[in-house]
Amino acid sequence: MELSDLRIFLAVARTHGITRAARELHTVQSNVSARIHALEKELGAPLFRRHARGVALTHVGERLLPYAERVSRLVDEARQAVGDETDPSGPLRIGALETTAGLRLPGVLATFAEDCPRVEVSLVTGPTEQLVRDVLRYRLDGALVSGPVRQPGVVETPVFEERLVLLTARRVTDLDSVPADPTILVFRSGCSYRRRLESVLHARGAVGVRCMELGTLDGILGCVGAGMGISLLPAAVVERHAAREQVRVHELPEQEARAQTVFVQRADAPPMPALTRFLTHAQAVDPGPPVLRMAGGSTATDGSPIRRAR
């Protein structure tokens, strides 16, 4: 079984088509078909089912997929581990929270690209739980997530700290006006800010918290501004967003507002020069001002119970 055949198999599985895989691999369709056929003959079973829109993995193909991903990744790690530490090269797959990707990573990626021009960085965004799973499953080399993680199999390194703020519509002048059964606007399941917001609300007597999941930061801020619910986000994200004038910002006590961002990687992974250099650049990022102040929009809270709006 050749590594090149496994990588062609992975490309077909990823793109769901022979033609699309050939385009991605910069080869001809007949070559991809021939290599897949040879791999199927060697294994004694079909790996793909053909249909009108392309191909789909068979049961055997699904069983082969994680092994092919692991073999391909181990080869990449071996090359990077023995490569020149002064000039890292090869692929580097990084995950990050969407808020972190938009707020902290542009500068990090720019300086890292200047430092390591031969490294090919790919970025995936998602909630903390999903990103940690992807690191453990060898789909990501590392990820910036909300800490602490305390997950077996990973090591975490503190990178920077965010200050979280509670967001409501402009008409909500203080948290006493928030209903006792609020709707929270959050990213999909596994988002660490979602759990933090639920904890903040429950500590203030909220009951029956309802949840609306949205896929983007723009969607969350837009819906908060429209009065559809409340949210919890890093202050610096809101400060720099175009929709900041549509929402009211409520500051939280220090113990509730503080949120640490950590970099997680597999505990069993050998040191990779590219990953080490990326982490160095991430730790050098300027976290910005610790507190957000907006004219007429910032309200301190003393942790009093939430009361129903009159």
Protein backbone atom coordinates (compact mmCIF):
# COMPACT_ATOMS: atom_id res chain seq x y z
CA MET A 1 0.00 0.00 0.00
CA GLU A 2 1.62 3.23 -1.19
CA LEU A 3 1.40 6.52 0.67
CA SER A 4 0.63 8.28 -2.61
CA ASP A 5 -2.38 5.98 -3.13
CA LEU A 6 -3.67 6.77 0.35
CA ARG A 7 -3.38 10.49 -0.30
CA ILE A 8 -5.29 10.14 -3.56
CA PHE A 9 -7.93 8.18 -1.63
CA LEU A 10 -8.11 11.02 0.93
CA ALA A 11 -8.50 13.63 -1.81
CA VAL A 12 -11.40 11.73 -3.41
CA ALA A 13 -13.05 11.25 0.00
CA ARG A 14 -12.63 14.95 0.82
CA THR A 15 -13.91 16.29 -2.52
CA HIS A 16 -16.54 13.58 -3.14
CA GLY A 17 -15.51 13.23 -6.75
CA ILE A 18 -12.81 11.81 -9.04
CA THR A 19 -12.69 14.90 -11.24
CA ARG A 20 -12.57 17.30 -8.29
CA ALA A 21 -9.80 15.26 -6.66
CA ALA A 22 -7.78 15.28 -9.90
CA ARG A 23 -8.14 19.06 -10.07
CA GLU A 24 -7.00 19.45 -6.47
CA LEU A 25 -4.02 17.12 -7.01
CA HIS A 26 -3.09 18.75 -10.33
CA THR A 27 -3.29 15.47 -12.23
CA VAL A 28 -5.58 13.84 -14.79
CA GLN A 29 -8.82 12.05 -13.95
CA SER A 30 -7.63 8.76 -15.45
CA ASN A 31 -4.66 8.67 -13.08
CA VAL A 32 -6.88 9.13 -10.02
CA SER A 33 -9.30 6.46 -11.22
CA ALA A 34 -6.46 4.02 -11.91
CA ARG A 35 -4.86 4.53 -8.47
CA ILE A 36 -8.18 4.11 -6.67
CA HIS A 37 -8.90 0.97 -8.67
CA ALA A 38 -5.46 -0.42 -7.78
CA LEU A 39 -6.03 0.31 -4.09
CA GLU A 40 -9.44 -1.35 -4.19
CA LYS A 41 -7.93 -4.39 -5.89
CA GLU A 42 -5.19 -4.61 -3.25
CA LEU A 43 -7.73 -4.39 -0.40
CA GLY A 44 -10.21 -6.70 -2.12
CA ALA A 45 -13.20 -4.39 -1.66
CA PRO A 46 -14.68 -1.24 -3.25
CA LEU A 47 -13.92 2.01 -1.43
CA PHE A 48 -16.44 4.30 -3.16
CA ARG A 49 -19.98 4.15 -4.49
CA ARG A 50 -20.58 6.09 -7.69
CA HIS A 51 -23.69 8.28 -7.99
CA ALA A 52 -24.92 11.17 -10.13
CA ARG A 53 -23.21 13.89 -8.08
CA GLY A 54 -19.88 12.13 -7.61
CA VAL A 55 -18.80 9.40 -5.18
CA ALA A 56 -19.43 8.42 -1.56
CA LEU A 57 -17.45 6.19 0.77
CA THR A 58 -18.52 2.58 1.16
CA HIS A 59 -18.48 0.91 4.57
CA VAL A 60 -14.95 -0.32 3.83
CA GLY A 61 -13.91 3.16 2.73
CA GLU A 62 -15.20 4.66 5.97
CA ARG A 63 -13.15 2.14 7.93
CA LEU A 64 -10.01 2.96 5.93
CA LEU A 65 -10.43 6.75 6.21
CA PRO A 66 -9.12 7.34 9.78
CA TYR A 67 -6.11 5.06 9.15
CA ALA A 68 -5.26 6.89 5.93
CA GLU A 69 -5.54 10.25 7.72
CA ARG A 70 -3.29 9.02 10.52
CA VAL A 71 -0.63 7.60 8.18
CA SER A 72 -0.58 10.77 6.08
CA ARG A 73 -0.35 12.95 9.16
CA LEU A 74 2.44 10.88 10.73
CA VAL A 75 4.51 11.17 7.56
CA ASP A 76 4.03 14.96 7.57
CA GLU A 77 4.98 15.13 11.26
CA ALA A 78 8.10 13.02 10.65
CA ARG A 79 9.21 15.33 7.85
CA GLN A 80 8.67 18.41 9.97
CA ALA A 81 10.28 16.90 13.07
CA VAL A 82 13.53 16.21 11.23
CA GLY A 83 13.35 19.32 9.07
CA ASP A 84 15.43 22.45 9.42
CA GLU A 85 14.23 24.31 12.51
CA THR A 86 15.54 27.58 11.10
CA ASP A 87 13.29 27.32 8.02
CA PRO A 88 10.16 25.22 8.74
CA SER A 89 8.06 24.03 5.82
CA GLY A 90 5.00 21.94 5.03
CA PRO A 91 1.35 22.10 6.08
CA LEU A 92 0.19 23.46 9.45
CA ARG A 93 -3.47 23.06 10.43
CA ILE A 94 -4.66 25.48 13.12
CA GLY A 95 -8.08 25.79 14.76
CA ALA A 96 -9.53 28.80 16.56
CA LEU A 97 -12.71 30.20 18.04
CA GLU A 98 -14.45 32.44 15.52
CA THR A 99 -14.02 35.46 17.79
CA THR A 100 -10.32 34.68 18.22
CA ALA A 101 -9.84 34.19 14.48
CA GLY A 102 -11.36 37.57 13.70
CA LEU A 103 -9.78 39.53 16.54
CA ARG A 104 -6.34 38.05 17.28
CA LEU A 105 -5.19 35.94 14.35
CA PRO A 106 -4.84 38.37 11.42
CA GLY A 107 -1.74 39.94 12.95
CA VAL A 108 -0.40 36.58 14.15
CA LEU A 109 -0.79 34.99 10.71
CA ALA A 110 0.83 37.98 9.01
CA THR A 111 3.95 37.91 11.18
CA PHE A 112 4.13 34.12 11.06
CA ALA A 113 3.97 34.16 7.25
CA GLU A 114 6.89 36.57 7.17
CA ASP A 115 8.86 34.39 9.59
CA CYS A 116 7.99 31.02 7.98
CA PRO A 117 7.10 31.64 4.32
CA ARG A 118 7.41 27.95 3.37
CA VAL A 119 4.74 26.81 5.85
CA GLU A 120 1.26 26.35 4.38
CA VAL A 121 -1.24 27.38 7.09
CA SER A 122 -4.87 26.33 6.99
CA LEU A 123 -7.33 27.74 9.54
CA VAL A 124 -10.52 26.10 10.83
CA THR A 125 -12.98 27.88 13.15
CA GLY A 126 -15.41 26.26 15.55
CA PRO A 127 -16.48 25.90 19.19
CA THR A 128 -14.02 24.78 21.86
CA GLU A 129 -15.31 21.21 22.23
CA GLN A 130 -15.17 20.52 18.49
CA LEU A 131 -11.70 22.00 18.10
CA VAL A 132 -10.30 19.93 20.98
CA ARG A 133 -11.81 16.78 19.42
CA ASP A 134 -10.22 17.64 16.08
CA VAL A 135 -6.82 18.03 17.76
CA LEU A 136 -7.19 14.64 19.45
CA ARG A 137 -8.28 13.04 16.16
CA TYR A 138 -5.20 14.39 14.33
CA ARG A 139 -7.31 16.68 12.15
CA LEU A 140 -5.64 19.77 13.59
CA ASP A 141 -2.08 20.33 14.77
CA GLY A 142 -3.25 22.74 17.45
CA ALA A 143 -6.07 25.11 18.34
CA LEU A 144 -6.76 28.33 20.22
CA VAL A 145 -9.70 27.63 22.52
CA SER A 146 -11.29 28.85 25.73
CA GLY A 147 -9.55 27.45 28.79
CA PRO A 148 -8.97 25.75 31.00
CA VAL A 149 -9.48 22.57 28.98
CA ARG A 150 -8.17 19.84 31.32
CA GLN A 151 -8.67 17.16 28.66
CA PRO A 152 -6.63 13.93 28.77
CA GLY A 153 -4.31 13.61 25.79
CA VAL A 154 -3.72 17.33 25.22
CA VAL A 155 -1.40 19.94 26.69
CA GLU A 156 -2.52 23.55 26.96
CA THR A 157 -0.47 26.72 26.95
CA PRO A 158 -1.96 30.06 28.12
CA VAL A 159 -1.83 32.63 25.33
CA PHE A 160 -3.89 35.65 26.33
CA GLU A 161 -6.89 36.73 28.35
CA GLU A 162 -10.18 38.21 27.18
CA ARG A 163 -12.67 40.32 29.13
CA LEU A 164 -16.23 39.17 28.49
CA VAL A 165 -19.22 41.51 28.46
CA LEU A 166 -22.95 40.90 28.40
CA LEU A 167 -24.79 42.31 25.37
CA THR A 168 -28.41 43.38 25.11
CA ALA A 169 -30.53 45.57 22.86
CA ARG A 170 -30.00 49.33 23.31
CA ARG A 171 -33.32 49.75 25.09
CA VAL A 172 -32.18 47.50 27.99
CA THR A 173 -30.53 50.05 30.26
CA ASP A 174 -29.60 47.67 33.09
CA LEU A 175 -29.69 43.97 33.86
CA ASP A 176 -32.71 44.38 36.12
CA SER A 177 -34.68 44.82 32.90
CA VAL A 178 -33.64 41.42 31.51
CA PRO A 179 -36.48 38.84 31.75
CA ALA A 180 -36.10 35.90 34.11
CA ASP A 181 -36.50 33.54 31.14
CA PRO A 182 -34.18 35.16 28.59
CA THR A 183 -33.25 33.93 25.13
CA ILE A 184 -29.50 33.64 24.68
CA LEU A 185 -27.90 34.08 21.26
CA VAL A 186 -24.82 31.90 20.93
CA PHE A 187 -22.66 29.89 18.58
CA ARG A 188 -23.46 26.21 18.10
CA SER A 189 -23.25 23.55 20.79
CA GLY A 190 -19.83 23.22 22.38
CA CYS A 191 -19.24 26.98 22.56
CA SER A 192 -17.53 27.84 25.85
CA TYR A 193 -19.08 31.33 25.94
CA ARG A 194 -22.49 29.70 25.85
CA ARG A 195 -21.77 27.77 29.06
CA ARG A 196 -20.36 30.91 30.67
CA LEU A 197 -23.47 32.91 29.80
CA GLU A 198 -25.79 30.26 31.17
CA SER A 199 -23.77 30.26 34.41
CA VAL A 200 -23.90 34.07 34.66
CA LEU A 201 -27.68 34.08 34.18
CA HIS A 202 -28.38 31.22 36.58
CA ALA A 203 -26.31 32.96 39.25
CA ARG A 204 -28.69 35.91 38.93
CA GLY A 205 -31.85 33.85 39.28
CA ALA A 206 -32.71 33.24 35.63
CA VAL A 207 -34.95 30.25 34.96
CA GLY A 208 -35.92 28.52 31.74
CA VAL A 209 -33.12 29.98 29.63
CA ARG A 210 -33.89 29.51 25.95
CA CYS A 211 -31.16 29.19 23.34
CA MET A 212 -30.90 30.32 19.73
CA GLU A 213 -27.83 29.13 17.84
CA LEU A 214 -26.32 31.26 15.09
CA GLY A 215 -23.38 30.51 12.87
CA THR A 216 -21.70 33.91 12.67
CA LEU A 217 -20.68 36.83 14.85
CA ASP A 218 -22.58 39.21 12.56
CA GLY A 219 -25.73 37.17 13.07
CA ILE A 220 -25.41 37.22 16.87
CA LEU A 221 -24.80 40.97 17.13
CA GLY A 222 -27.53 41.75 14.61
CA CYS A 223 -30.09 39.68 16.50
CA VAL A 224 -29.05 41.14 19.87
CA GLY A 225 -29.49 44.64 18.42
CA ALA A 226 -32.94 43.68 17.15
CA GLY A 227 -33.98 42.67 20.66
CA MET A 228 -34.21 38.93 19.98
CA GLY A 229 -32.04 37.98 22.96
CA ILE A 230 -28.79 38.55 24.84
CA SER A 231 -25.25 37.30 24.36
CA LEU A 232 -21.79 37.12 25.93
CA LEU A 233 -18.70 38.02 23.89
CA PRO A 234 -15.17 39.39 24.32
CA ALA A 235 -15.26 43.15 24.83
CA ALA A 236 -12.56 43.75 22.23
CA VAL A 237 -14.61 41.91 19.58
CA VAL A 238 -17.61 44.17 20.14
CA GLU A 239 -15.47 47.30 20.26
CA ARG A 240 -14.10 46.67 16.78
CA HIS A 241 -17.31 45.44 15.15
CA ALA A 242 -19.39 47.58 12.81
CA ALA A 243 -22.59 46.69 14.70
CA ARG A 244 -21.33 47.92 18.08
CA GLU A 245 -23.69 50.94 18.10
CA GLN A 246 -26.72 48.64 17.81
CA VAL A 247 -26.15 46.93 21.17
CA ARG A 248 -25.70 47.94 24.80
CA VAL A 249 -22.69 46.61 26.68
CA HIS A 250 -22.96 45.57 30.33
CA GLU A 251 -19.76 44.95 32.26
CA LEU A 252 -19.49 41.97 34.58
CA PRO A 253 -17.62 41.47 37.86
CA GLU A 254 -13.98 40.49 37.41
CA GLN A 255 -14.41 36.81 38.29
CA GLU A 256 -17.14 36.40 35.65
CA ALA A 257 -15.60 38.61 32.99
CA ARG A 258 -12.17 36.99 32.84
CA ALA A 259 -11.75 34.35 30.11
CA GLN A 260 -8.44 32.72 29.28
CA THR A 261 -7.55 31.62 25.76
CA VAL A 262 -5.17 28.65 25.59
CA PHE A 263 -3.39 26.83 22.81
CA VAL A 264 -3.97 23.06 22.86
CA GLN A 265 -1.95 20.38 21.09
CA ARG A 266 -1.65 16.61 21.43
CA ALA A 267 0.46 15.44 24.34
CA ASP A 268 1.98 12.61 22.29
CA ALA A 269 2.96 14.74 19.27
CA PRO A 270 6.69 15.34 18.71
CA PRO A 271 7.86 18.97 18.69
CA MET A 272 7.16 20.55 15.30
CA PRO A 273 9.26 23.60 14.43
CA ALA A 274 6.39 25.26 12.56
CA LEU A 275 3.94 24.72 15.42
CA THR A 276 6.44 25.99 17.99
CA ARG A 277 7.07 29.14 15.94
CA PHE A 278 3.32 29.73 15.50
CA LEU A 279 2.76 29.50 19.24
CA THR A 280 5.57 31.99 19.84
CA HIS A 281 3.88 34.49 17.51
CA ALA A 282 0.48 33.88 19.14
CA GLN A 283 1.88 34.56 22.60
CA ALA A 284 3.39 37.83 21.38
CA VAL A 285 0.01 39.25 20.28
CA ASP A 286 -1.11 42.48 21.95
CA PRO A 287 -4.27 41.63 23.92
CA GLY A 288 -5.51 45.19 23.67
CA PRO A 289 -7.29 47.21 26.35
CA PRO A 290 -8.64 45.14 29.25
CA VAL A 291 -11.93 47.03 29.58
CA LEU A 292 -14.35 48.26 26.94
CA ARG A 293 -15.86 51.71 27.44
CA MET A 294 -18.57 52.94 25.09
CA ALA A 295 -20.33 56.26 25.49
CA GLY A 296 -23.76 55.71 27.00
CA GLY A 297 -23.52 51.97 26.46
CA SER A 298 -21.59 50.49 29.36
CA THR A 299 -23.39 49.47 32.52
CA ALA A 300 -21.71 47.92 35.53
CA THR A 301 -23.56 45.15 37.33
CA ASP A 302 -23.30 44.12 40.94
CA GLY A 303 -24.62 40.59 40.44
CA SER A 304 -28.16 41.38 41.57
CA PRO A 305 -30.96 38.97 40.61
CA ILE A 306 -32.58 39.31 37.18
CA ARG A 307 -36.13 40.61 37.32
CA ARG A 308 -38.86 40.43 34.74
CA ALA A 309 -39.10 43.43 32.46
CA ARG A 310 -42.15 45.56 33.19
